[in-house]
């Protein structure tokens, strides 16, 4: 079986490399909460409010200059797993599009 709600709930990301700004932690945490809810809805046989196709388009901003946020490579890779799992549960054969990484 694929990704479970607990996997999303317990995921952790490191800080980005020095000089690199990552994704804002609050925004990533809010998105992951929605992913967890969508997976839970699928498991309960309910219609989730978040679809796999929505993940690459969900806006995530870079952290400010004095906060480093979450490592963008790690976040993008995990969100690709989430996108693939949601699409699998939806019965979609759309390819995983992934997320464009922020520069800098």
C-alpha atoms as a PDB file:
ATOM      1  CA  UNK A   1       0.000   0.000   0.000  1.00  0.00           C
ATOM      2  CA  UNK A   2       1.138   3.558  -0.683  1.00  0.00           C
ATOM      3  CA  UNK A   3       1.501   6.675   1.393  1.00  0.00           C
ATOM      4  CA  UNK A   4      -0.652   6.828   4.517  1.00  0.00           C
ATOM      5  CA  UNK A   5      -1.949   9.830   6.493  1.00  0.00           C
ATOM      6  CA  UNK A   6       0.510   9.039   9.315  1.00  0.00           C
ATOM      7  CA  UNK A   7       3.395   9.183   6.834  1.00  0.00           C
ATOM      8  CA  UNK A   8       2.396  12.740   5.978  1.00  0.00           C
ATOM      9  CA  UNK A   9       1.819  13.658   9.612  1.00  0.00           C
ATOM     10  CA  UNK A  10       5.269  12.436  10.650  1.00  0.00           C
ATOM     11  CA  UNK A  11       7.355  13.704   7.741  1.00  0.00           C
ATOM     12  CA  UNK A  12      10.213  16.075   8.541  1.00  0.00           C
ATOM     13  CA  UNK A  13      12.341  18.319   6.376  1.00  0.00           C
ATOM     14  CA  UNK A  14      15.768  19.743   6.992  1.00  0.00           C
ATOM     15  CA  UNK A  15      16.741  23.369   6.539  1.00  0.00           C
ATOM     16  CA  UNK A  16      18.086  24.353   3.130  1.00  0.00           C
ATOM     17  CA  UNK A  17      21.764  24.841   2.496  1.00  0.00           C
ATOM     18  CA  UNK A  18      23.339  28.041   3.775  1.00  0.00           C
ATOM     19  CA  UNK A  19      22.517  30.881   1.401  1.00  0.00           C
ATOM     20  CA  UNK A  20      19.441  29.117   0.023  1.00  0.00           C
ATOM     21  CA  UNK A  21      15.909  30.132   0.973  1.00  0.00           C
ATOM     22  CA  UNK A  22      13.505  27.294   1.446  1.00  0.00           C
ATOM     23  CA  UNK A  23       9.747  27.092   1.443  1.00  0.00           C
ATOM     24  CA  UNK A  24       7.876  28.827   4.256  1.00  0.00           C
ATOM     25  CA  UNK A  25       7.274  26.309   7.020  1.00  0.00           C
ATOM     26  CA  UNK A  26       3.741  27.475   7.812  1.00  0.00           C
ATOM     27  CA  UNK A  27       2.639  27.101   4.198  1.00  0.00           C
ATOM     28  CA  UNK A  28       4.214  23.666   3.789  1.00  0.00           C
ATOM     29  CA  UNK A  29       2.669  22.504   7.066  1.00  0.00           C
ATOM     30  CA  UNK A  30      -0.780  23.768   5.983  1.00  0.00           C
ATOM     31  CA  UNK A  31      -0.500  21.994   2.622  1.00  0.00           C
ATOM     32  CA  UNK A  32       0.603  18.756   4.269  1.00  0.00           C
ATOM     33  CA  UNK A  33      -2.364  18.964   6.624  1.00  0.00           C
ATOM     34  CA  UNK A  34      -4.632  19.152   3.568  1.00  0.00           C
ATOM     35  CA  UNK A  35      -2.835  16.182   1.991  1.00  0.00           C
ATOM     36  CA  UNK A  36      -3.278  14.204   5.201  1.00  0.00           C
ATOM     37  CA  UNK A  37      -6.995  15.057   5.228  1.00  0.00           C
ATOM     38  CA  UNK A  38      -7.334  14.022   1.568  1.00  0.00           C
ATOM     39  CA  UNK A  39      -5.672  10.668   2.222  1.00  0.00           C
ATOM     40  CA  UNK A  40      -7.907  10.138   5.262  1.00  0.00           C
ATOM     41  CA  UNK A  41     -10.992  10.956   3.177  1.00  0.00           C
ATOM     42  CA  UNK A  42      -9.951   8.445   0.502  1.00  0.00           C
ATOM     43  CA  UNK A  43      -9.457   5.732   3.111  1.00  0.00           C
ATOM     44  CA  UNK A  44     -12.910   6.487   4.551  1.00  0.00           C
ATOM     45  CA  UNK A  45     -14.536   6.397   1.109  1.00  0.00           C
ATOM     46  CA  UNK A  46     -15.291  10.134   1.079  1.00  0.00           C
ATOM     47  CA  UNK A  47     -14.536  12.683  -1.621  1.00  0.00           C
ATOM     48  CA  UNK A  48     -11.394  14.663  -0.656  1.00  0.00           C
ATOM     49  CA  UNK A  49     -11.255  18.432  -1.027  1.00  0.00           C
ATOM     50  CA  UNK A  50      -7.720  18.245  -2.464  1.00  0.00           C
ATOM     51  CA  UNK A  51      -6.880  16.383  -5.670  1.00  0.00           C
ATOM     52  CA  UNK A  52      -3.490  15.137  -6.824  1.00  0.00           C
ATOM     53  CA  UNK A  53      -3.555  17.447  -9.828  1.00  0.00           C
ATOM     54  CA  UNK A  54      -3.825  20.428  -7.438  1.00  0.00           C
ATOM     55  CA  UNK A  55      -0.515  19.848  -5.652  1.00  0.00           C
ATOM     56  CA  UNK A  56       1.935  21.224  -8.248  1.00  0.00           C
ATOM     57  CA  UNK A  57      -0.150  24.397  -8.534  1.00  0.00           C
ATOM     58  CA  UNK A  58      -0.616  24.948  -4.804  1.00  0.00           C
ATOM     59  CA  UNK A  59       1.256  28.176  -4.009  1.00  0.00           C
ATOM     60  CA  UNK A  60       4.261  27.934  -1.722  1.00  0.00           C
ATOM     61  CA  UNK A  61       6.388  30.997  -1.140  1.00  0.00           C
ATOM     62  CA  UNK A  62      10.021  31.167  -0.188  1.00  0.00           C
ATOM     63  CA  UNK A  63      10.917  31.917   3.404  1.00  0.00           C
ATOM     64  CA  UNK A  64      12.106  35.377   4.354  1.00  0.00           C
ATOM     65  CA  UNK A  65      15.748  36.400   4.476  1.00  0.00           C
ATOM     66  CA  UNK A  66      16.080  35.760   8.193  1.00  0.00           C
ATOM     67  CA  UNK A  67      14.252  32.418   8.238  1.00  0.00           C
ATOM     68  CA  UNK A  68      15.471  29.530   6.136  1.00  0.00           C
ATOM     69  CA  UNK A  69      12.301  27.465   5.915  1.00  0.00           C
ATOM     70  CA  UNK A  70      12.209  23.870   4.677  1.00  0.00           C
ATOM     71  CA  UNK A  71      14.632  22.412   2.163  1.00  0.00           C
ATOM     72  CA  UNK A  72      12.874  22.951  -1.189  1.00  0.00           C
ATOM     73  CA  UNK A  73      14.320  19.799  -2.782  1.00  0.00           C
ATOM     74  CA  UNK A  74      13.014  17.625   0.056  1.00  0.00           C
ATOM     75  CA  UNK A  75       9.603  19.296   0.035  1.00  0.00           C
ATOM     76  CA  UNK A  76       9.281  18.971  -3.751  1.00  0.00           C
ATOM     77  CA  UNK A  77      10.249  15.284  -3.659  1.00  0.00           C
ATOM     78  CA  UNK A  78       7.769  14.517  -0.880  1.00  0.00           C
ATOM     79  CA  UNK A  79       4.985  16.435  -2.619  1.00  0.00           C
ATOM     80  CA  UNK A  80       5.630  14.376  -5.762  1.00  0.00           C
ATOM     81  CA  UNK A  81       5.046  11.237  -3.673  1.00  0.00           C
ATOM     82  CA  UNK A  82       1.855  12.778  -2.309  1.00  0.00           C
ATOM     83  CA  UNK A  83       0.701  13.753  -5.800  1.00  0.00           C
ATOM     84  CA  UNK A  84       1.366  10.247  -7.122  1.00  0.00           C
ATOM     85  CA  UNK A  85      -0.511   8.623  -4.231  1.00  0.00           C
ATOM     86  CA  UNK A  86      -3.519  10.921  -4.514  1.00  0.00           C
ATOM     87  CA  UNK A  87      -3.690  10.315  -8.265  1.00  0.00           C
ATOM     88  CA  UNK A  88      -3.444   6.569  -7.687  1.00  0.00           C
ATOM     89  CA  UNK A  89      -6.311   6.694  -5.183  1.00  0.00           C
ATOM     90  CA  UNK A  90      -8.346   8.811  -7.609  1.00  0.00           C
ATOM     91  CA  UNK A  91      -7.806   6.234 -10.341  1.00  0.00           C
ATOM     92  CA  UNK A  92      -6.082   8.853 -12.466  1.00  0.00           C
ATOM     93  CA  UNK A  93      -3.467   7.892 -15.022  1.00  0.00           C
ATOM     94  CA  UNK A  94      -2.155  11.459 -15.310  1.00  0.00           C
ATOM     95  CA  UNK A  95       1.622  11.644 -14.927  1.00  0.00           C
ATOM     96  CA  UNK A  96       3.113  13.290 -11.869  1.00  0.00           C
ATOM     97  CA  UNK A  97       4.016  16.847 -12.814  1.00  0.00           C
ATOM     98  CA  UNK A  98       6.015  17.774  -9.738  1.00  0.00           C
ATOM     99  CA  UNK A  99       6.796  21.252  -8.555  1.00  0.00           C
ATOM    100  CA  UNK A 100       9.049  23.951  -9.955  1.00  0.00           C
ATOM    101  CA  UNK A 101      11.659  24.772  -7.336  1.00  0.00           C
ATOM    102  CA  UNK A 102      12.215  28.359  -6.217  1.00  0.00           C
ATOM    103  CA  UNK A 103      15.527  29.854  -7.174  1.00  0.00           C
ATOM    104  CA  UNK A 104      17.877  31.268  -4.558  1.00  0.00           C
END
